[in-house]
PDB file of N, CA and C in Angstrom:
ATOM      1  N   MET A   1      32.330  28.780  -8.445  1.00  0.00           N
ATOM      2  CA  MET A   1      30.869  28.294  -8.337  1.00  0.00           C
ATOM      3  C   MET A   1      29.949  29.223  -7.195  1.00  0.00           C
ATOM      4  N   ASP A   2      30.248  30.202  -7.528  1.00  0.00           N
ATOM      5  CA  ASP A   2      29.356  31.301  -7.090  1.00  0.00           C
ATOM      6  C   ASP A   2      27.979  31.511  -7.934  1.00  0.00           C
ATOM      7  N   THR A   3      27.292  31.897  -6.996  1.00  0.00           N
ATOM      8  CA  THR A   3      26.353  32.115  -7.633  1.00  0.00           C
ATOM      9  C   THR A   3      26.508  33.196  -8.821  1.00  0.00           C
ATOM     10  N   VAL A   4      25.510  33.904  -9.989  1.00  0.00           N
ATOM     11  CA  VAL A   4      25.094  34.825 -11.010  1.00  0.00           C
ATOM     12  C   VAL A   4      24.780  35.744 -10.096  1.00  0.00           C
ATOM     13  N   LYS A   5      23.693  35.790  -9.303  1.00  0.00           N
ATOM     14  CA  LYS A   5      23.942  37.014  -8.418  1.00  0.00           C
ATOM     15  C   LYS A   5      25.483  37.847  -8.183  1.00  0.00           C
ATOM     16  N   THR A   6      25.738  36.907  -7.149  1.00  0.00           N
ATOM     17  CA  THR A   6      27.891  37.294  -7.023  1.00  0.00           C
ATOM     18  C   THR A   6      28.262  37.363  -7.491  1.00  0.00           C
ATOM     19  N   GLN A   7      28.501  37.112  -8.688  1.00  0.00           N
ATOM     20  CA  GLN A   7      28.922  37.200 -10.037  1.00  0.00           C
ATOM     21  C   GLN A   7      29.218  38.705 -10.508  1.00  0.00           C
ATOM     22  N   LYS A   8      27.406  38.830 -10.346  1.00  0.00           N
ATOM     23  CA  LYS A   8      27.031  40.439 -11.172  1.00  0.00           C
ATOM     24  C   LYS A   8      28.003  41.018 -10.115  1.00  0.00           C
ATOM     25  N   SER A   9      27.238  41.095  -8.749  1.00  0.00           N
ATOM     26  CA  SER A   9      27.712  41.855  -8.147  1.00  0.00           C
ATOM     27  C   SER A   9      29.337  42.386  -8.286  1.00  0.00           C
ATOM     28  N   PHE A  10      29.753  41.165  -7.775  1.00  0.00           N
ATOM     29  CA  PHE A  10      31.576  41.238  -8.014  1.00  0.00           C
ATOM     30  C   PHE A  10      32.116  42.098  -9.183  1.00  0.00           C
ATOM     31  N   HIS A  11      31.363  41.567 -10.776  1.00  0.00           N
ATOM     32  CA  HIS A  11      31.546  42.419 -12.040  1.00  0.00           C
ATOM     33  C   HIS A  11      31.275  44.110 -11.523  1.00  0.00           C
ATOM     34  N   GLN A  12      30.359  44.328 -11.353  1.00  0.00           N
ATOM     35  CA  GLN A  12      30.192  45.773 -10.968  1.00  0.00           C
ATOM     36  C   GLN A  12      30.702  46.096 -10.311  1.00  0.00           C
ATOM     37  N   GLN A  13      30.934  45.852  -9.316  1.00  0.00           N
ATOM     38  CA  GLN A  13      32.351  45.897  -8.505  1.00  0.00           C
ATOM     39  C   GLN A  13      33.558  46.344  -8.611  1.00  0.00           C
ATOM     40  N   GLN A  14      34.063  45.579  -9.932  1.00  0.00           N
ATOM     41  CA  GLN A  14      35.269  45.924  -9.940  1.00  0.00           C
ATOM     42  C   GLN A  14      35.350  46.473 -11.787  1.00  0.00           C
ATOM     43  N   LYS A  15      34.235  46.272 -12.123  1.00  0.00           N
ATOM     44  CA  LYS A  15      34.118  47.378 -13.324  1.00  0.00           C
ATOM     45  C   LYS A  15      35.187  46.238 -14.425  1.00  0.00           C
ATOM     46  N   LEU A  16      34.700  45.416 -13.931  1.00  0.00           N
ATOM     47  CA  LEU A  16      35.571  44.085 -15.235  1.00  0.00           C
ATOM     48  C   LEU A  16      35.292  44.426 -16.783  1.00  0.00           C
ATOM     49  N   ASN A  17      36.179  44.328 -17.714  1.00  0.00           N
ATOM     50  CA  ASN A  17      35.519  44.270 -19.163  1.00  0.00           C
ATOM     51  C   ASN A  17      35.507  43.067 -19.685  1.00  0.00           C
ATOM     52  N   PHE A  18      34.487  41.999 -18.713  1.00  0.00           N
ATOM     53  CA  PHE A  18      35.025  40.610 -18.974  1.00  0.00           C
ATOM     54  C   PHE A  18      34.051  39.922 -18.484  1.00  0.00           C
ATOM     55  N   ASP A  19      33.455  38.799 -19.474  1.00  0.00           N
ATOM     56  CA  ASP A  19      31.782  38.407 -18.513  1.00  0.00           C
ATOM     57  C   ASP A  19      33.139  37.253 -17.681  1.00  0.00           C
ATOM     58  N   LEU A  20      32.029  36.818 -15.942  1.00  0.00           N
ATOM     59  CA  LEU A  20      32.693  35.890 -15.305  1.00  0.00           C
ATOM     60  C   LEU A  20      31.495  34.560 -15.770  1.00  0.00           C
ATOM     61  N   LEU A  21      32.342  33.354 -15.000  1.00  0.00           N
ATOM     62  CA  LEU A  21      31.052  31.893 -15.367  1.00  0.00           C
ATOM     63  C   LEU A  21      30.667  31.922 -14.000  1.00  0.00           C
ATOM     64  N   ALA A  22      29.375  31.668 -13.642  1.00  0.00           N
ATOM     65  CA  ALA A  22      28.697  31.105 -12.445  1.00  0.00           C
ATOM     66  C   ALA A  22      28.660  29.698 -12.970  1.00  0.00           C
ATOM     67  N   ASP A  23      28.876  28.859 -12.045  1.00  0.00           N
ATOM     68  CA  ASP A  23      28.749  27.483 -11.838  1.00  0.00           C
ATOM     69  C   ASP A  23      28.704  27.103 -10.433  1.00  0.00           C
ATOM     70  N   GLU A  24      26.409  27.254 -10.059  1.00  0.00           N
ATOM     71  CA  GLU A  24      26.612  27.053  -8.715  1.00  0.00           C
ATOM     72  C   GLU A  24      27.006  25.480  -8.312  1.00  0.00           C
ATOM     73  N   GLU A  25      26.216  24.806  -9.599  1.00  0.00           N
ATOM     74  CA  GLU A  25      26.276  23.179  -9.134  1.00  0.00           C
ATOM     75  C   GLU A  25      27.533  22.502  -9.141  1.00  0.00           C
ATOM     76  N   GLY A  26      28.492  23.639  -9.795  1.00  0.00           N
ATOM     77  CA  GLY A  26      29.827  22.959  -9.504  1.00  0.00           C
ATOM     78  C   GLY A  26      30.337  21.982 -10.572  1.00  0.00           C
ATOM     79  N   LYS A  27      29.984  22.153 -12.155  1.00  0.00           N
ATOM     80  CA  LYS A  27      29.860  20.751 -13.265  1.00  0.00           C
ATOM     81  C   LYS A  27      31.027  21.121 -13.827  1.00  0.00           C
ATOM     82  N   LEU A  28      30.891  22.619 -13.629  1.00  0.00           N
ATOM     83  CA  LEU A  28      32.714  22.855 -14.468  1.00  0.00           C
ATOM     84  C   LEU A  28      33.761  22.696 -13.881  1.00  0.00           C
ATOM     85  N   ALA A  29      33.380  23.302 -12.336  1.00  0.00           N
ATOM     86  CA  ALA A  29      34.815  22.923 -12.156  1.00  0.00           C
ATOM     87  C   ALA A  29      34.962  21.269 -11.986  1.00  0.00           C
ATOM     88  N   LYS A  30      34.065  20.925 -11.544  1.00  0.00           N
ATOM     89  CA  LYS A  30      34.643  18.898 -11.865  1.00  0.00           C
ATOM     90  C   LYS A  30      34.754  18.342 -13.077  1.00  0.00           C
ATOM     91  N   LEU A  31      34.617  18.928 -13.841  1.00  0.00           N
ATOM     92  CA  LEU A  31      34.990  18.835 -15.975  1.00  0.00           C
ATOM     93  C   LEU A  31      36.433  18.675 -15.805  1.00  0.00           C
ATOM     94  N   PHE A  32      36.150  20.636 -15.191  1.00  0.00           N
ATOM     95  CA  PHE A  32      37.894  20.654 -15.226  1.00  0.00           C
ATOM     96  C   PHE A  32      38.915  20.522 -13.812  1.00  0.00           C
ATOM     97  N   GLY A  33      38.662  19.602 -13.610  1.00  0.00           N
ATOM     98  CA  GLY A  33      39.461  18.888 -12.199  1.00  0.00           C
ATOM     99  C   GLY A  33      39.656  20.223 -10.773  1.00  0.00           C
ATOM    100  N   VAL A  34      38.774  21.454 -10.774  1.00  0.00           N
ATOM    101  CA  VAL A  34      39.115  21.490  -9.265  1.00  0.00           C
ATOM    102  C   VAL A  34      38.453  21.905  -8.252  1.00  0.00           C
ATOM    103  N   PHE A  35      36.882  20.290  -8.238  1.00  0.00           N
ATOM    104  CA  PHE A  35      36.386  21.143  -7.719  1.00  0.00           C
ATOM    105  C   PHE A  35      36.554  19.888  -6.739  1.00  0.00           C
ATOM    106  N   ASN A  36      36.150  20.770  -4.924  1.00  0.00           N
ATOM    107  CA  ASN A  36      37.348  20.268  -3.989  1.00  0.00           C
ATOM    108  C   ASN A  36      36.004  19.709  -3.494  1.00  0.00           C
ATOM    109  N   PRO A  37      35.586  18.387  -2.900  1.00  0.00           N
ATOM    110  CA  PRO A  37      34.423  17.933  -2.196  1.00  0.00           C
ATOM    111  C   PRO A  37      34.540  18.160  -0.946  1.00  0.00           C
ATOM    112  N   GLU A  38      35.756  18.117  -0.047  1.00  0.00           N
ATOM    113  CA  GLU A  38      35.646  18.764   1.412  1.00  0.00           C
ATOM    114  C   GLU A  38      34.789  19.705   1.449  1.00  0.00           C
ATOM    115  N   ARG A  39      35.510  20.912   0.694  1.00  0.00           N
ATOM    116  CA  ARG A  39      34.163  22.059   0.778  1.00  0.00           C
ATOM    117  C   ARG A  39      33.691  22.247   0.575  1.00  0.00           C
ATOM    118  N   ASN A  40      33.193  21.808  -1.054  1.00  0.00           N
ATOM    119  CA  ASN A  40      31.762  21.852  -1.266  1.00  0.00           C
ATOM    120  C   ASN A  40      32.822  23.438  -2.301  1.00  0.00           C
ATOM    121  N   LEU A  41      33.893  23.710  -3.031  1.00  0.00           N
ATOM    122  CA  LEU A  41      34.126  24.801  -3.657  1.00  0.00           C
ATOM    123  C   LEU A  41      35.264  24.240  -5.034  1.00  0.00           C
ATOM    124  N   ALA A  42      35.639  25.091  -5.630  1.00  0.00           N
ATOM    125  CA  ALA A  42      36.176  24.994  -6.586  1.00  0.00           C
ATOM    126  C   ALA A  42      37.946  25.786  -6.243  1.00  0.00           C
ATOM    127  N   ARG A  43      38.860  25.064  -6.532  1.00  0.00           N
ATOM    128  CA  ARG A  43      39.962  25.727  -6.026  1.00  0.00           C
ATOM    129  C   ARG A  43      40.570  26.809  -6.908  1.00  0.00           C
ATOM    130  N   ARG A  44      41.517  27.980  -6.656  1.00  0.00           N
ATOM    131  CA  ARG A  44      41.261  29.015  -7.073  1.00  0.00           C
ATOM    132  C   ARG A  44      42.371  28.705  -8.275  1.00  0.00           C
ATOM    133  N   VAL A  45      42.145  28.670  -9.291  1.00  0.00           N
ATOM    134  CA  VAL A  45      42.730  27.977 -11.095  1.00  0.00           C
ATOM    135  C   VAL A  45      42.196  29.250 -12.381  1.00  0.00           C
ATOM    136  N   THR A  46      43.547  29.340 -12.911  1.00  0.00           N
ATOM    137  CA  THR A  46      43.098  30.251 -13.936  1.00  0.00           C
ATOM    138  C   THR A  46      43.342  30.033 -14.612  1.00  0.00           C
ATOM    139  N   PHE A  47      42.547  29.265 -15.926  1.00  0.00           N
ATOM    140  CA  PHE A  47      42.461  28.862 -17.545  1.00  0.00           C
ATOM    141  C   PHE A  47      42.752  30.333 -18.559  1.00  0.00           C
ATOM    142  N   VAL A  48      43.618  30.152 -19.574  1.00  0.00           N
ATOM    143  CA  VAL A  48      43.742  30.977 -20.204  1.00  0.00           C
ATOM    144  C   VAL A  48      43.342  30.393 -21.831  1.00  0.00           C
ATOM    145  N   ILE A  49      42.337  30.561 -22.123  1.00  0.00           N
ATOM    146  CA  ILE A  49      41.001  29.960 -23.078  1.00  0.00           C
ATOM    147  C   ILE A  49      41.296  30.929 -24.584  1.00  0.00           C
ATOM    148  N   ASP A  50      42.221  30.046 -25.297  1.00  0.00           N
ATOM    149  CA  ASP A  50      41.750  31.718 -26.730  1.00  0.00           C
ATOM    150  C   ASP A  50      40.624  31.422 -27.636  1.00  0.00           C
ATOM    151  N   PRO A  51      40.382  32.228 -28.501  1.00  0.00           N
ATOM    152  CA  PRO A  51      38.593  32.523 -28.875  1.00  0.00           C
ATOM    153  C   PRO A  51      38.288  31.302 -30.093  1.00  0.00           C
ATOM    154  N   GLN A  52      39.286  30.025 -30.405  1.00  0.00           N
ATOM    155  CA  GLN A  52      39.001  28.739 -30.563  1.00  0.00           C
ATOM    156  C   GLN A  52      38.486  28.061 -29.558  1.00  0.00           C
ATOM    157  N   GLY A  53      38.841  28.383 -28.592  1.00  0.00           N
ATOM    158  CA  GLY A  53      38.172  27.625 -27.307  1.00  0.00           C
ATOM    159  C   GLY A  53      39.447  27.118 -26.968  1.00  0.00           C
ATOM    160  N   ILE A  54      40.738  26.708 -27.295  1.00  0.00           N
ATOM    161  CA  ILE A  54      41.767  25.924 -26.649  1.00  0.00           C
ATOM    162  C   ILE A  54      42.634  26.448 -25.949  1.00  0.00           C
ATOM    163  N   ILE A  55      43.003  25.924 -24.765  1.00  0.00           N
ATOM    164  CA  ILE A  55      43.408  25.771 -23.404  1.00  0.00           C
ATOM    165  C   ILE A  55      45.147  26.724 -23.772  1.00  0.00           C
ATOM    166  N   ARG A  56      45.199  27.600 -23.443  1.00  0.00           N
ATOM    167  CA  ARG A  56      46.451  27.803 -23.815  1.00  0.00           C
ATOM    168  C   ARG A  56      47.649  28.025 -22.811  1.00  0.00           C
ATOM    169  N   ALA A  57      46.944  27.986 -21.202  1.00  0.00           N
ATOM    170  CA  ALA A  57      47.843  28.070 -19.312  1.00  0.00           C
ATOM    171  C   ALA A  57      46.903  27.756 -18.381  1.00  0.00           C
ATOM    172  N   VAL A  58      47.754  27.149 -18.037  1.00  0.00           N
ATOM    173  CA  VAL A  58      46.789  27.141 -16.519  1.00  0.00           C
ATOM    174  C   VAL A  58      47.814  27.680 -15.710  1.00  0.00           C
ATOM    175  N   ASP A  59      47.351  28.211 -14.390  1.00  0.00           N
ATOM    176  CA  ASP A  59      47.825  28.965 -13.033  1.00  0.00           C
ATOM    177  C   ASP A  59      47.482  28.029 -12.164  1.00  0.00           C
ATOM    178  N   GLU A  60      47.836  27.376 -11.719  1.00  0.00           N
ATOM    179  CA  GLU A  60      47.212  26.402 -10.762  1.00  0.00           C
ATOM    180  C   GLU A  60      47.527  26.810  -9.459  1.00  0.00           C
ATOM    181  N   LYS A  61      48.686  28.030  -9.793  1.00  0.00           N
ATOM    182  CA  LYS A  61      49.491  28.759  -7.986  1.00  0.00           C
ATOM    183  C   LYS A  61      48.791  30.316  -8.047  1.00  0.00           C
ATOM    184  N   VAL A  62      47.203  30.393  -8.097  1.00  0.00           N
ATOM    185  CA  VAL A  62      47.112  32.462  -8.123  1.00  0.00           C
ATOM    186  C   VAL A  62      46.907  32.781  -7.072  1.00  0.00           C
ATOM    187  N   ASN A  63      48.181  33.933  -7.395  1.00  0.00           N
ATOM    188  CA  ASN A  63      48.344  34.517  -6.352  1.00  0.00           C
ATOM    189  C   ASN A  63      48.068  35.927  -5.916  1.00  0.00           C
ATOM    190  N   VAL A  64      46.384  35.772  -4.993  1.00  0.00           N
ATOM    191  CA  VAL A  64      45.400  36.837  -5.230  1.00  0.00           C
ATOM    192  C   VAL A  64      46.173  38.351  -5.464  1.00  0.00           C
ATOM    193  N   LYS A  65      47.446  38.508  -4.922  1.00  0.00           N
ATOM    194  CA  LYS A  65      48.095  40.451  -4.532  1.00  0.00           C
ATOM    195  C   LYS A  65      48.219  39.968  -6.031  1.00  0.00           C
ATOM    196  N   THR A  66      49.426  39.402  -6.525  1.00  0.00           N
ATOM    197  CA  THR A  66      49.583  39.450  -7.889  1.00  0.00           C
ATOM    198  C   THR A  66      49.125  39.098  -9.036  1.00  0.00           C
ATOM    199  N   HIS A  67      47.811  38.227  -8.580  1.00  0.00           N
ATOM    200  CA  HIS A  67      47.743  37.526  -9.444  1.00  0.00           C
ATOM    201  C   HIS A  67      46.627  38.388 -11.336  1.00  0.00           C
ATOM    202  N   GLY A  68      47.082  39.713 -11.315  1.00  0.00           N
ATOM    203  CA  GLY A  68      46.471  40.603 -11.902  1.00  0.00           C
ATOM    204  C   GLY A  68      47.982  41.268 -12.999  1.00  0.00           C
ATOM    205  N   GLN A  69      49.180  41.157 -12.459  1.00  0.00           N
ATOM    206  CA  GLN A  69      50.336  41.608 -12.684  1.00  0.00           C
ATOM    207  C   GLN A  69      50.753  40.051 -13.514  1.00  0.00           C
ATOM    208  N   ASP A  70      50.417  38.723 -12.979  1.00  0.00           N
ATOM    209  CA  ASP A  70      50.830  37.364 -13.203  1.00  0.00           C
ATOM    210  C   ASP A  70      50.278  37.429 -14.512  1.00  0.00           C
ATOM    211  N   LEU A  71      49.066  37.677 -14.574  1.00  0.00           N
ATOM    212  CA  LEU A  71      47.969  37.469 -15.794  1.00  0.00           C
ATOM    213  C   LEU A  71      48.550  38.113 -17.319  1.00  0.00           C
ATOM    214  N   VAL A  72      48.694  39.457 -16.708  1.00  0.00           N
ATOM    215  CA  VAL A  72      49.409  39.822 -18.005  1.00  0.00           C
ATOM    216  C   VAL A  72      50.789  39.631 -18.672  1.00  0.00           C
ATOM    217  N   LYS A  73      51.458  39.613 -17.722  1.00  0.00           N
ATOM    218  CA  LYS A  73      52.890  38.324 -17.939  1.00  0.00           C
ATOM    219  C   LYS A  73      52.278  37.619 -18.857  1.00  0.00           C
ATOM    220  N   LEU A  74      51.850  36.452 -18.701  1.00  0.00           N
ATOM    221  CA  LEU A  74      51.114  35.197 -19.011  1.00  0.00           C
ATOM    222  C   LEU A  74      50.893  35.846 -20.467  1.00  0.00           C
ATOM    223  N   LEU A  75      49.557  36.424 -20.827  1.00  0.00           N
ATOM    224  CA  LEU A  75      48.824  36.691 -21.858  1.00  0.00           C
ATOM    225  C   LEU A  75      50.402  37.411 -22.435  1.00  0.00           C
ATOM    226  N   LEU A  76      50.879  38.133 -22.393  1.00  0.00           N
ATOM    227  CA  LEU A  76      52.245  39.372 -23.157  1.00  0.00           C
ATOM    228  C   LEU A  76      52.660  37.905 -23.552  1.00  0.00           C
ATOM    229  N   GLU A  77      53.724  36.762 -23.172  1.00  0.00           N
ATOM    230  CA  GLU A  77      54.174  36.014 -23.265  1.00  0.00           C
ATOM    231  C   GLU A  77      53.524  34.780 -24.606  1.00  0.00           C
ATOM    232  N   LEU A  78      52.341  34.699 -24.137  1.00  0.00           N
ATOM    233  CA  LEU A  78      51.572  33.405 -25.002  1.00  0.00           C
ATOM    234  C   LEU A  78      51.290  34.655 -26.409  1.00  0.00           C
ATOM    235  N   GLN A  79      51.350  36.056 -26.329  1.00  0.00           N
ATOM    236  CA  GLN A  79      51.253  36.735 -27.699  1.00  0.00           C
ATOM    237  C   GLN A  79      53.079  36.763 -28.444  1.00  0.00           C
ATOM    238  N   GLN A  80      53.391  36.590 -28.076  1.00  0.00           N
ATOM    239  CA  GLN A  80      55.116  36.532 -28.546  1.00  0.00           C
ATOM    240  C   GLN A  80      54.935  35.056 -28.983  1.00  0.00           C
ATOM    241  N   GLU A  81      54.444  34.173 -28.390  1.00  0.00           N
ATOM    242  CA  GLU A  81      54.622  32.558 -28.335  1.00  0.00           C
ATOM    243  C   GLU A  81      53.776  32.483 -30.281  1.00  0.00           C
ATOM    244  N   ALA A  82      52.464  33.893 -29.969  1.00  0.00           N
ATOM    245  CA  ALA A  82      51.469  33.073 -31.031  1.00  0.00           C
ATOM    246  C   ALA A  82      51.903  33.692 -32.529  1.00  0.00           C
ATOM    247  N   LYS A  83      52.909  34.822 -31.873  1.00  0.00           N
ATOM    248  CA  LYS A  83      53.223  36.054 -33.582  1.00  0.00           C
ATOM    249  C   LYS A  83      54.507  34.915 -34.008  1.00  0.00           C
ATOM    250  N   SER A  84      55.480  34.304 -32.645  1.00  0.00           N
ATOM    251  CA  SER A  84      56.164  33.727 -33.584  1.00  0.00           C
ATOM    252  C   SER A  84      55.743  31.882 -34.282  1.00  0.00           C
ATOM    253  N   GLY A  85      54.930  31.658 -33.914  1.00  0.00           N
ATOM    254  CA  GLY A  85      53.712  30.417 -34.104  1.00  0.00           C
ATOM    255  C   GLY A  85      54.266  29.024 -33.730  1.00  0.00           C
ATOM    256  N   LYS A  86      55.485  29.380 -32.319  1.00  0.00           N
ATOM    257  CA  LYS A  86      55.307  27.921 -31.589  1.00  0.00           C
ATOM    258  C   LYS A  86      54.006  27.619 -30.454  1.00  0.00           C
ATOM    259  N   GLN A  87      52.963  28.566 -30.092  1.00  0.00           N
ATOM    260  CA  GLN A  87      52.119  28.264 -29.833  1.00  0.00           C
ATOM    261  C   GLN A  87      51.426  26.634 -29.722  1.00  0.00           C
ATOM    262  N   GLU A  88      50.716  25.781 -28.637  1.00  0.00           N
ATOM    263  CA  GLU A  88      50.295  24.425 -29.248  1.00  0.00           C
ATOM    264  C   GLU A  88      49.551  24.733 -27.957  1.00  0.00           C
ATOM    265  N   ALA A  89      48.148  23.709 -28.441  1.00  0.00           N
ATOM    266  CA  ALA A  89      47.576  23.482 -27.209  1.00  0.00           C
ATOM    267  C   ALA A  89      48.180  22.671 -26.076  1.00  0.00           C
ATOM    268  N   THR A  90      47.451  23.045 -24.481  1.00  0.00           N
ATOM    269  CA  THR A  90      48.001  22.424 -23.794  1.00  0.00           C
ATOM    270  C   THR A  90      47.506  21.486 -23.397  1.00  0.00           C
TER     271      THR A  90
END
């Protein structure tokens, strides 16, 4: 639910090679069920969405210290599942 300006700044600082979403009004946070109305922010949740728009995994227990490594492990597992033909939509 950060602003476009905040996301652009973070994107540049971290030298990311992927886009970030700015959801200033919380529409997507509400749609994905991660909006916390008490704090007026989104819970930290990672959705892995494939090129066809299918949600392949949801990580609701994001550990900011290990999330990069956790996500790489998850993506490798999903790649293996896709190669073996086991992958189904979540």
